Amino acid sequence: MTAITGSNDMDKKPPATVDEYLAIVPEPARTTLEKMRKAIQSAAPEAAEAISYGMPAFKYQGRGLVAIAAFKNHCSLFPMSGAAIEKFKAELAGFHTSKGTLQFPLDKPLPGSLLKKIIRARIAEIEKPPR
């Protein structure tokens, strides 16, 4: 399963920025990811955007916070930690989850309030001093 890149033409350069990635994602996934991007920026305004493994990623204090991506039949959130998915397991009951991935329909982003809770939990994980 690979994230949408906009073309199967191997000669084309992969997106270098989140804006470039979103520009090649077809609707309705583009709007879904744009809504998620805004929610992530709202919950973590100091997070830096990047492309990691061909997907839009957000870094906090130099560490992976979350990544998002569009696929043929769904969109995904990668919280970079299974702990975030486990913590909100009850609220995620209607979504397909695995150890490190949360999948949802192309046309329905995660509820903004739930996404913000996941972001805040990831920030707390990153800020937690090592034992």
Protein backbone atom coordinates (compact mmCIF):
# COMPACT_ATOMS: atom_id res chain seq x y z
CA MET A 1 0.00 0.00 0.00
CA THR A 2 1.54 3.28 -1.05
CA ALA A 3 0.45 6.83 -0.51
CA ILE A 4 -0.99 8.74 -3.43
CA THR A 5 1.73 10.53 -5.36
CA GLY A 6 -0.41 11.88 -8.17
CA SER A 7 1.21 9.84 -10.94
CA ASN A 8 2.71 6.48 -11.71
CA ASP A 9 5.33 8.22 -13.84
CA MET A 10 8.60 7.31 -12.13
CA ASP A 11 10.38 10.21 -13.88
CA LYS A 12 8.37 12.77 -11.94
CA LYS A 13 9.90 14.26 -8.86
CA PRO A 14 8.09 13.35 -5.64
CA PRO A 15 6.56 16.23 -3.67
CA ALA A 16 9.07 18.15 -1.58
CA THR A 17 6.57 20.08 0.55
CA VAL A 18 3.20 19.48 2.14
CA ASP A 19 1.67 22.00 -0.29
CA GLU A 20 3.08 20.05 -3.25
CA TYR A 21 1.75 16.79 -1.81
CA LEU A 22 -1.73 18.20 -1.28
CA ALA A 23 -1.78 19.70 -4.79
CA ILE A 24 -1.57 16.23 -6.35
CA VAL A 25 -4.05 14.48 -4.05
CA PRO A 26 -7.45 14.08 -5.74
CA GLU A 27 -10.70 15.15 -4.09
CA PRO A 28 -12.28 14.35 -1.71
CA ALA A 29 -9.07 13.24 0.03
CA ARG A 30 -7.37 16.62 -0.54
CA THR A 31 -10.03 18.51 1.41
CA THR A 32 -9.94 15.88 4.17
CA LEU A 33 -6.15 16.21 4.55
CA GLU A 34 -6.32 20.01 4.39
CA LYS A 35 -8.82 20.01 7.29
CA MET A 36 -6.53 17.71 9.24
CA ARG A 37 -3.52 19.92 8.51
CA LYS A 38 -5.36 22.94 9.92
CA ALA A 39 -6.36 21.01 13.05
CA ILE A 40 -2.77 19.84 13.56
CA GLN A 41 -1.45 23.39 13.09
CA SER A 42 -4.04 24.65 15.57
CA ALA A 43 -3.13 22.05 18.22
CA ALA A 44 0.63 22.37 17.65
CA PRO A 45 1.40 25.75 16.05
CA GLU A 46 5.14 25.26 16.70
CA ALA A 47 5.23 21.97 14.76
CA ALA A 48 7.35 22.02 11.60
CA GLU A 49 6.02 20.54 8.38
CA ALA A 50 8.07 18.14 6.29
CA ILE A 51 7.75 15.30 3.84
CA SER A 52 8.80 12.01 5.39
CA TYR A 53 8.53 8.67 3.59
CA GLY A 54 6.65 10.53 0.85
CA MET A 55 3.94 11.76 3.23
CA PRO A 56 3.14 15.04 4.97
CA ALA A 57 4.69 14.87 8.43
CA PHE A 58 4.73 17.21 11.38
CA LYS A 59 7.69 17.42 13.75
CA TYR A 60 7.75 18.77 17.26
CA GLN A 61 11.05 19.61 18.91
CA GLY A 62 12.76 17.76 16.06
CA ARG A 63 10.82 14.54 16.66
CA GLY A 64 8.00 13.00 14.64
CA LEU A 65 4.64 14.15 15.90
CA VAL A 66 2.24 12.73 13.28
CA ALA A 67 2.02 12.07 9.57
CA ILE A 68 -1.00 12.03 7.27
CA ALA A 69 -1.54 10.48 3.86
CA ALA A 70 -4.13 9.70 1.22
CA PHE A 71 -4.45 6.25 -0.28
CA LYS A 72 -6.74 4.90 -2.98
CA ASN A 73 -9.57 3.94 -0.63
CA HIS A 74 -8.85 5.77 2.63
CA CYS A 75 -6.82 8.42 4.42
CA SER A 76 -4.51 7.66 7.32
CA LEU A 77 -3.08 9.30 10.40
CA PHE A 78 0.22 7.95 11.68
CA PRO A 79 0.70 9.11 15.29
CA MET A 80 4.33 7.90 15.35
CA SER A 81 3.45 5.98 18.50
CA GLY A 82 1.07 3.16 19.28
CA ALA A 83 0.48 4.72 22.71
CA ALA A 84 -1.69 7.48 21.23
CA ILE A 85 -3.94 4.97 19.48
CA GLU A 86 -4.16 2.83 22.61
CA LYS A 87 -4.95 5.85 24.80
CA PHE A 88 -7.97 6.82 22.67
CA LYS A 89 -9.05 3.29 21.78
CA ALA A 90 -12.65 3.80 22.95
CA GLU A 91 -13.05 7.03 20.94
CA LEU A 92 -11.51 5.36 17.88
CA ALA A 93 -13.87 2.37 17.99
CA GLY A 94 -15.57 3.37 14.72
CA PHE A 95 -12.29 3.57 12.81
CA HIS A 96 -9.92 0.94 11.48
CA THR A 97 -6.79 1.01 13.60
CA SER A 98 -3.57 -0.94 13.83
CA LYS A 99 -0.56 -0.55 16.11
CA GLY A 100 0.60 2.70 14.49
CA THR A 101 -2.08 3.68 11.96
CA LEU A 102 -5.55 5.09 12.01
CA GLN A 103 -7.62 4.83 8.80
CA PHE A 104 -10.75 6.76 7.90
CA PRO A 105 -12.87 7.48 4.78
CA LEU A 106 -11.49 9.71 2.03
CA ASP A 107 -14.31 12.19 2.53
CA LYS A 108 -14.52 12.25 6.33
CA PRO A 109 -11.61 13.57 8.39
CA LEU A 110 -11.24 12.55 11.99
CA PRO A 111 -13.27 14.82 14.25
CA GLY A 112 -11.13 17.87 14.96
CA SER A 113 -11.52 17.52 18.72
CA LEU A 114 -10.28 13.91 18.64
CA LEU A 115 -7.36 14.79 16.36
CA LYS A 116 -6.37 17.60 18.73
CA LYS A 117 -6.48 15.20 21.69
CA ILE A 118 -4.15 12.83 19.81
CA ILE A 119 -1.80 15.73 18.99
CA ARG A 120 -1.73 16.90 22.61
CA ALA A 121 -1.03 13.33 23.78
CA ARG A 122 1.85 13.05 21.31
CA ILE A 123 3.28 16.38 22.47
CA ALA A 124 3.12 15.16 26.07
CA GLU A 125 4.95 11.96 25.04
CA ILE A 126 7.68 13.95 23.33
CA GLU A 127 8.05 16.39 26.24
CA LYS A 128 8.14 13.63 28.86
CA PRO A 129 11.66 13.44 30.29
CA PRO A 130 13.43 10.11 29.77
CA ARG A 131 13.57 7.86 32.81
